[in-house]
Amino acid sequence: MQRIREPVRVAAVFAPGRQIKPVWFDWQRKKYTVCETTYCWKDKAGDATLLHFSVTDGTALFELIYNTADQGWTLNGVEAD
């Protein structure tokens, strides 16, 4: 997986039960529609909880991170065929 670590704009659905579902994100002036969330996990960075989402647009795999402290999103990495 190629590390990116860039802030990105993400549209997400905040569902009941504290579940978050990324729907699309912008990266390098292109909009990527999330077809599937393949895996999610969380960890901590200081006082912030980081929610990791492994998502695919059908052609590539991306890792998005949601920082609950500053409510920002980061594209952490991408793996393309």
N, C-alpha and C. Protein backbone atom coordinates (compact mmCIF):
# COMPACT_ATOMS: atom_id res chain seq x y z
N MET A 1 0.85 -1.18 0.00
CA MET A 1 0.00 0.00 0.00
C MET A 1 0.89 1.23 0.00
N GLN A 2 0.60 2.15 -0.90
CA GLN A 2 1.35 3.41 -0.98
C GLN A 2 0.80 4.38 0.06
N ARG A 3 1.66 4.90 0.92
CA ARG A 3 1.26 5.85 1.95
C ARG A 3 1.03 7.22 1.33
N ILE A 4 -0.08 7.84 1.68
CA ILE A 4 -0.45 9.15 1.15
C ILE A 4 -0.42 10.20 2.26
N ARG A 5 -1.19 9.98 3.31
CA ARG A 5 -1.27 10.86 4.48
C ARG A 5 -1.62 12.30 4.10
N GLU A 6 -2.73 12.46 3.36
CA GLU A 6 -3.21 13.79 2.96
C GLU A 6 -4.61 14.01 3.50
N PRO A 7 -4.91 15.23 3.95
CA PRO A 7 -6.29 15.52 4.33
C PRO A 7 -7.19 15.47 3.10
N VAL A 8 -8.39 14.91 3.28
CA VAL A 8 -9.35 14.81 2.18
C VAL A 8 -10.74 15.20 2.69
N ARG A 9 -11.58 15.57 1.73
CA ARG A 9 -12.97 15.88 2.03
C ARG A 9 -13.76 14.59 1.83
N VAL A 10 -14.56 14.22 2.85
CA VAL A 10 -15.32 12.97 2.82
C VAL A 10 -16.78 13.26 3.13
N ALA A 11 -17.67 12.61 2.38
CA ALA A 11 -19.09 12.62 2.73
C ALA A 11 -19.36 11.29 3.42
N ALA A 12 -19.96 11.36 4.59
CA ALA A 12 -20.22 10.15 5.36
C ALA A 12 -21.61 10.20 5.97
N VAL A 13 -22.17 9.03 6.18
CA VAL A 13 -23.45 8.90 6.86
C VAL A 13 -23.15 8.49 8.30
N PHE A 14 -23.68 9.27 9.23
CA PHE A 14 -23.54 8.96 10.65
C PHE A 14 -24.83 8.28 11.07
N ALA A 15 -24.80 6.95 11.15
CA ALA A 15 -25.99 6.15 11.40
C ALA A 15 -26.23 5.96 12.89
N PRO A 16 -27.44 5.55 13.25
CA PRO A 16 -27.70 5.25 14.67
C PRO A 16 -26.74 4.19 15.18
N GLY A 17 -26.45 4.25 16.45
CA GLY A 17 -25.52 3.29 17.05
C GLY A 17 -24.07 3.67 16.85
N ARG A 18 -23.83 4.96 16.55
CA ARG A 18 -22.47 5.50 16.41
C ARG A 18 -21.71 4.91 15.22
N GLN A 19 -22.40 4.38 14.25
CA GLN A 19 -21.73 3.85 13.07
C GLN A 19 -21.54 4.95 12.04
N ILE A 20 -20.37 4.95 11.41
CA ILE A 20 -20.03 5.93 10.38
C ILE A 20 -19.76 5.17 9.09
N LYS A 21 -20.36 5.65 8.01
CA LYS A 21 -20.18 5.00 6.72
C LYS A 21 -19.72 6.03 5.69
N PRO A 22 -18.44 5.98 5.27
CA PRO A 22 -17.98 6.88 4.21
C PRO A 22 -18.74 6.56 2.91
N VAL A 23 -19.18 7.61 2.20
CA VAL A 23 -19.95 7.44 0.97
C VAL A 23 -19.11 7.82 -0.25
N TRP A 24 -18.38 8.92 -0.16
CA TRP A 24 -17.46 9.34 -1.23
C TRP A 24 -16.40 10.24 -0.62
N PHE A 25 -15.30 10.44 -1.38
CA PHE A 25 -14.25 11.36 -0.95
C PHE A 25 -13.59 11.98 -2.17
N ASP A 26 -13.01 13.15 -1.98
CA ASP A 26 -12.27 13.86 -3.02
C ASP A 26 -10.79 13.71 -2.75
N TRP A 27 -10.05 13.38 -3.82
CA TRP A 27 -8.59 13.30 -3.72
C TRP A 27 -8.00 13.66 -5.08
N GLN A 28 -7.07 14.58 -5.09
CA GLN A 28 -6.40 15.05 -6.30
C GLN A 28 -7.42 15.48 -7.36
N ARG A 29 -8.39 16.26 -6.91
CA ARG A 29 -9.43 16.83 -7.77
C ARG A 29 -10.31 15.79 -8.46
N LYS A 30 -10.41 14.60 -7.86
CA LYS A 30 -11.27 13.55 -8.38
C LYS A 30 -12.15 13.04 -7.26
N LYS A 31 -13.40 12.76 -7.59
CA LYS A 31 -14.35 12.23 -6.61
C LYS A 31 -14.40 10.71 -6.73
N TYR A 32 -14.20 10.03 -5.61
CA TYR A 32 -14.23 8.57 -5.54
C TYR A 32 -15.48 8.14 -4.77
N THR A 33 -16.30 7.31 -5.38
CA THR A 33 -17.49 6.79 -4.73
C THR A 33 -17.14 5.48 -4.04
N VAL A 34 -17.47 5.37 -2.77
CA VAL A 34 -17.18 4.17 -2.00
C VAL A 34 -18.23 3.11 -2.33
N CYS A 35 -17.78 2.01 -2.91
CA CYS A 35 -18.67 0.89 -3.24
C CYS A 35 -18.85 -0.03 -2.03
N GLU A 36 -17.77 -0.16 -1.24
CA GLU A 36 -17.81 -1.11 -0.12
C GLU A 36 -16.77 -0.72 0.92
N THR A 37 -17.14 -0.89 2.18
CA THR A 37 -16.18 -0.80 3.28
C THR A 37 -15.78 -2.22 3.59
N THR A 38 -14.51 -2.54 3.38
CA THR A 38 -14.05 -3.92 3.53
C THR A 38 -13.63 -4.25 4.96
N TYR A 39 -13.22 -3.23 5.71
CA TYR A 39 -12.77 -3.47 7.08
C TYR A 39 -12.72 -2.13 7.80
N CYS A 40 -12.95 -2.14 9.11
CA CYS A 40 -12.78 -0.92 9.91
C CYS A 40 -12.25 -1.30 11.28
N TRP A 41 -11.47 -0.38 11.86
CA TRP A 41 -10.88 -0.57 13.17
C TRP A 41 -10.60 0.78 13.78
N LYS A 42 -10.24 0.80 15.05
CA LYS A 42 -9.92 2.07 15.71
C LYS A 42 -8.67 1.93 16.54
N ASP A 43 -8.01 3.08 16.73
CA ASP A 43 -6.88 3.16 17.63
C ASP A 43 -6.84 4.56 18.22
N LYS A 44 -5.82 4.85 18.98
CA LYS A 44 -5.70 6.14 19.67
C LYS A 44 -4.43 6.84 19.25
N ALA A 45 -4.51 8.18 19.21
CA ALA A 45 -3.34 9.04 19.03
C ALA A 45 -3.48 10.13 20.08
N GLY A 46 -2.82 9.95 21.21
CA GLY A 46 -3.01 10.87 22.32
C GLY A 46 -4.42 10.73 22.85
N ASP A 47 -5.13 11.85 22.94
CA ASP A 47 -6.51 11.82 23.42
C ASP A 47 -7.52 11.54 22.31
N ALA A 48 -7.08 11.55 21.07
CA ALA A 48 -7.98 11.37 19.94
C ALA A 48 -8.17 9.89 19.60
N THR A 49 -9.40 9.55 19.29
CA THR A 49 -9.70 8.23 18.76
C THR A 49 -9.67 8.33 17.24
N LEU A 50 -8.95 7.43 16.60
CA LEU A 50 -8.86 7.40 15.14
C LEU A 50 -9.64 6.21 14.63
N LEU A 51 -10.59 6.47 13.74
CA LEU A 51 -11.40 5.41 13.14
C LEU A 51 -10.88 5.17 11.73
N HIS A 52 -10.41 3.97 11.47
CA HIS A 52 -9.84 3.59 10.18
C HIS A 52 -10.89 2.86 9.35
N PHE A 53 -10.95 3.18 8.08
CA PHE A 53 -11.88 2.54 7.15
C PHE A 53 -11.10 2.09 5.92
N SER A 54 -11.14 0.81 5.64
CA SER A 54 -10.60 0.28 4.40
C SER A 54 -11.76 0.23 3.42
N VAL A 55 -11.68 1.03 2.35
CA VAL A 55 -12.80 1.16 1.42
C VAL A 55 -12.32 0.93 -0.01
N THR A 56 -13.25 0.57 -0.89
CA THR A 56 -12.93 0.40 -2.29
C THR A 56 -13.93 1.15 -3.16
N ASP A 57 -13.43 1.62 -4.29
CA ASP A 57 -14.30 2.24 -5.29
C ASP A 57 -14.56 1.25 -6.43
N GLY A 58 -14.16 0.01 -6.24
CA GLY A 58 -14.33 -1.02 -7.24
C GLY A 58 -13.07 -1.28 -8.05
N THR A 59 -12.11 -0.36 -7.98
CA THR A 59 -10.86 -0.55 -8.72
C THR A 59 -9.62 -0.46 -7.83
N ALA A 60 -9.70 0.28 -6.75
CA ALA A 60 -8.56 0.45 -5.84
C ALA A 60 -9.03 0.34 -4.40
N LEU A 61 -8.08 0.10 -3.51
CA LEU A 61 -8.36 0.01 -2.08
C LEU A 61 -7.73 1.23 -1.41
N PHE A 62 -8.51 1.88 -0.54
CA PHE A 62 -8.07 3.10 0.14
C PHE A 62 -8.21 2.92 1.65
N GLU A 63 -7.34 3.58 2.40
CA GLU A 63 -7.51 3.65 3.85
C GLU A 63 -7.82 5.09 4.23
N LEU A 64 -9.02 5.29 4.76
CA LEU A 64 -9.44 6.60 5.26
C LEU A 64 -9.41 6.57 6.78
N ILE A 65 -8.99 7.69 7.37
CA ILE A 65 -8.96 7.80 8.83
C ILE A 65 -9.79 9.00 9.25
N TYR A 66 -10.70 8.78 10.20
CA TYR A 66 -11.49 9.86 10.79
C TYR A 66 -10.96 10.13 12.19
N ASN A 67 -10.54 11.37 12.44
CA ASN A 67 -10.04 11.79 13.75
C ASN A 67 -11.22 12.37 14.52
N THR A 68 -11.62 11.71 15.61
CA THR A 68 -12.80 12.16 16.36
C THR A 68 -12.54 13.45 17.13
N ALA A 69 -11.28 13.79 17.38
CA ALA A 69 -10.97 15.01 18.13
C ALA A 69 -11.17 16.26 17.27
N ASP A 70 -10.59 16.26 16.06
CA ASP A 70 -10.72 17.45 15.20
C ASP A 70 -11.74 17.26 14.08
N GLN A 71 -12.35 16.07 14.02
CA GLN A 71 -13.38 15.72 13.04
C GLN A 71 -12.89 15.86 11.60
N GLY A 72 -11.60 15.60 11.41
CA GLY A 72 -11.00 15.66 10.08
C GLY A 72 -10.76 14.27 9.52
N TRP A 73 -10.70 14.21 8.20
CA TRP A 73 -10.44 12.96 7.49
C TRP A 73 -9.08 13.02 6.81
N THR A 74 -8.40 11.87 6.78
CA THR A 74 -7.11 11.73 6.12
C THR A 74 -7.15 10.50 5.23
N LEU A 75 -6.63 10.66 4.01
CA LEU A 75 -6.39 9.49 3.16
C LEU A 75 -5.01 9.00 3.54
N ASN A 76 -4.95 7.86 4.19
CA ASN A 76 -3.69 7.34 4.71
C ASN A 76 -2.91 6.55 3.66
N GLY A 77 -3.63 5.85 2.78
CA GLY A 77 -2.94 5.06 1.79
C GLY A 77 -3.86 4.59 0.67
N VAL A 78 -3.24 4.13 -0.41
CA VAL A 78 -3.99 3.62 -1.56
C VAL A 78 -3.24 2.43 -2.14
N GLU A 79 -4.00 1.43 -2.58
CA GLU A 79 -3.43 0.27 -3.25
C GLU A 79 -4.22 0.06 -4.53
N ALA A 80 -3.57 0.29 -5.66
CA ALA A 80 -4.22 0.16 -6.96
C ALA A 80 -3.70 -1.08 -7.68
N ASP A 81 -4.52 -1.62 -8.55
CA ASP A 81 -4.11 -2.79 -9.34
C ASP A 81 -3.07 -2.46 -10.36
